[in-house]
Amino acid sequence: MLFCLFKWEKEGSTTKYLSIVSTLLTLVFVVEVLMKAIAFTLRGYWQSRRNRYDLFVTLMGVGWLTFWHLLGGQGVIPLNTQ
């Protein structure tokens, strides 16, 4: 969401800063999911729809970060390899 507020520059310092912030916040959510799963047990965690939604959003964030860092921060998958 923070990326929407700033001009997109592939090599800009703002982009690097925001990707670091996004990574740290996603890690906080991963820790939250793990702590809740430990506290409630997996069965208790899964009973709440809110927890399922949190898990879905967290996994989407982890997926986005994985692609972002695997692509070297380019943010797009190159379709034309010529």
C-alpha atoms as a PDB file:
ATOM      1  CA  MET A   1       0.000   0.000   0.000  1.00  0.00           C
ATOM      2  CA  LEU A   2       2.848   2.398   0.739  1.00  0.00           C
ATOM      3  CA  PHE A   3       4.122   1.955  -2.814  1.00  0.00           C
ATOM      4  CA  CYS A   4       0.980   3.739  -4.059  1.00  0.00           C
ATOM      5  CA  LEU A   5       1.932   6.956  -2.274  1.00  0.00           C
ATOM      6  CA  PHE A   6       5.302   7.509  -3.927  1.00  0.00           C
ATOM      7  CA  LYS A   7       6.556   7.885  -7.466  1.00  0.00           C
ATOM      8  CA  TRP A   8       7.807   4.548  -8.790  1.00  0.00           C
ATOM      9  CA  GLU A   9      11.530   4.533  -9.452  1.00  0.00           C
ATOM     10  CA  LYS A  10      13.059   1.146 -10.045  1.00  0.00           C
ATOM     11  CA  GLU A  11      16.429   2.109  -8.567  1.00  0.00           C
ATOM     12  CA  GLY A  12      15.153   4.813  -6.218  1.00  0.00           C
ATOM     13  CA  SER A  13      16.036   4.956  -2.537  1.00  0.00           C
ATOM     14  CA  THR A  14      12.337   5.275  -1.646  1.00  0.00           C
ATOM     15  CA  THR A  15      11.580   1.958  -3.350  1.00  0.00           C
ATOM     16  CA  LYS A  16      14.343   0.200  -1.436  1.00  0.00           C
ATOM     17  CA  TYR A  17      13.207   1.758   1.852  1.00  0.00           C
ATOM     18  CA  LEU A  18       9.589   0.760   1.297  1.00  0.00           C
ATOM     19  CA  SER A  19      10.527  -2.789   0.357  1.00  0.00           C
ATOM     20  CA  ILE A  20      12.491  -3.081   3.612  1.00  0.00           C
ATOM     21  CA  VAL A  21       9.532  -1.743   5.601  1.00  0.00           C
ATOM     22  CA  SER A  22       7.195  -4.140   3.799  1.00  0.00           C
ATOM     23  CA  THR A  23       9.499  -7.066   4.530  1.00  0.00           C
ATOM     24  CA  LEU A  24       9.729  -6.200   8.227  1.00  0.00           C
ATOM     25  CA  LEU A  25       5.962  -5.779   8.606  1.00  0.00           C
ATOM     26  CA  THR A  26       5.307  -9.068   6.834  1.00  0.00           C
ATOM     27  CA  LEU A  27       7.737 -10.777   9.198  1.00  0.00           C
ATOM     28  CA  VAL A  28       5.786  -9.322  12.129  1.00  0.00           C
ATOM     29  CA  PHE A  29       2.597 -10.862  10.710  1.00  0.00           C
ATOM     30  CA  VAL A  30       4.331 -14.221  10.216  1.00  0.00           C
ATOM     31  CA  VAL A  31       5.403 -14.164  13.865  1.00  0.00           C
ATOM     32  CA  GLU A  32       1.829 -13.275  14.876  1.00  0.00           C
ATOM     33  CA  VAL A  33       0.414 -16.226  12.919  1.00  0.00           C
ATOM     34  CA  LEU A  34       2.955 -18.589  14.464  1.00  0.00           C
ATOM     35  CA  MET A  35       2.307 -17.325  17.998  1.00  0.00           C
ATOM     36  CA  LYS A  36      -1.462 -17.669  17.596  1.00  0.00           C
ATOM     37  CA  ALA A  37      -1.093 -21.166  16.139  1.00  0.00           C
ATOM     38  CA  ILE A  38       1.032 -22.182  19.122  1.00  0.00           C
ATOM     39  CA  ALA A  39      -1.280 -20.538  21.671  1.00  0.00           C
ATOM     40  CA  PHE A  40      -4.573 -21.842  20.233  1.00  0.00           C
ATOM     41  CA  THR A  41      -3.218 -25.079  18.695  1.00  0.00           C
ATOM     42  CA  LEU A  42      -3.724 -25.540  14.976  1.00  0.00           C
ATOM     43  CA  ARG A  43      -7.316 -26.750  15.417  1.00  0.00           C
ATOM     44  CA  GLY A  44      -8.252 -23.790  17.597  1.00  0.00           C
ATOM     45  CA  TYR A  45      -6.495 -21.355  15.279  1.00  0.00           C
ATOM     46  CA  TRP A  46      -8.327 -22.683  12.227  1.00  0.00           C
ATOM     47  CA  GLN A  47     -11.783 -22.383  13.875  1.00  0.00           C
ATOM     48  CA  SER A  48     -11.769 -18.589  13.619  1.00  0.00           C
ATOM     49  CA  ARG A  49     -12.561 -17.094  10.222  1.00  0.00           C
ATOM     50  CA  ARG A  50     -10.563 -14.021  11.163  1.00  0.00           C
ATOM     51  CA  ASN A  51      -7.485 -16.166  11.747  1.00  0.00           C
ATOM     52  CA  ARG A  52      -7.979 -17.884   8.394  1.00  0.00           C
ATOM     53  CA  TYR A  53      -8.178 -14.507   6.695  1.00  0.00           C
ATOM     54  CA  ASP A  54      -5.035 -13.331   8.538  1.00  0.00           C
ATOM     55  CA  LEU A  55      -3.236 -16.471   7.394  1.00  0.00           C
ATOM     56  CA  PHE A  56      -4.333 -15.893   3.791  1.00  0.00           C
ATOM     57  CA  VAL A  57      -3.189 -12.260   3.799  1.00  0.00           C
ATOM     58  CA  THR A  58       0.106 -13.179   5.444  1.00  0.00           C
ATOM     59  CA  LEU A  59       0.780 -15.928   2.898  1.00  0.00           C
ATOM     60  CA  MET A  60       0.005 -13.516   0.051  1.00  0.00           C
ATOM     61  CA  GLY A  61       2.490 -11.055   1.545  1.00  0.00           C
ATOM     62  CA  VAL A  62       5.137 -13.744   1.872  1.00  0.00           C
ATOM     63  CA  GLY A  63       4.499 -14.761  -1.735  1.00  0.00           C
ATOM     64  CA  TRP A  64       4.843 -11.182  -2.943  1.00  0.00           C
ATOM     65  CA  LEU A  65       8.075 -10.726  -0.997  1.00  0.00           C
ATOM     66  CA  THR A  66       9.449 -13.982  -2.352  1.00  0.00           C
ATOM     67  CA  PHE A  67       8.842 -12.884  -5.936  1.00  0.00           C
ATOM     68  CA  TRP A  68      10.116  -9.378  -5.229  1.00  0.00           C
ATOM     69  CA  HIS A  69      13.415 -10.569  -3.792  1.00  0.00           C
ATOM     70  CA  LEU A  70      13.892 -13.412  -6.281  1.00  0.00           C
ATOM     71  CA  LEU A  71      13.514 -10.937  -9.142  1.00  0.00           C
ATOM     72  CA  GLY A  72      16.067  -8.619  -7.607  1.00  0.00           C
ATOM     73  CA  GLY A  73      13.564  -5.923  -6.716  1.00  0.00           C
ATOM     74  CA  GLN A  74      12.353  -5.456 -10.282  1.00  0.00           C
ATOM     75  CA  GLY A  75       8.765  -6.066  -9.268  1.00  0.00           C
ATOM     76  CA  VAL A  76       7.672  -7.592 -12.582  1.00  0.00           C
ATOM     77  CA  ILE A  77       8.212 -10.942 -14.216  1.00  0.00           C
ATOM     78  CA  PRO A  78       9.997 -10.492 -17.531  1.00  0.00           C
ATOM     79  CA  LEU A  79       7.782 -12.073 -20.175  1.00  0.00           C
ATOM     80  CA  ASN A  80      10.086 -11.498 -23.148  1.00  0.00           C
ATOM     81  CA  THR A  81      13.467 -13.153 -22.636  1.00  0.00           C
ATOM     82  CA  GLN A  82      14.992 -12.094 -25.973  1.00  0.00           C
END
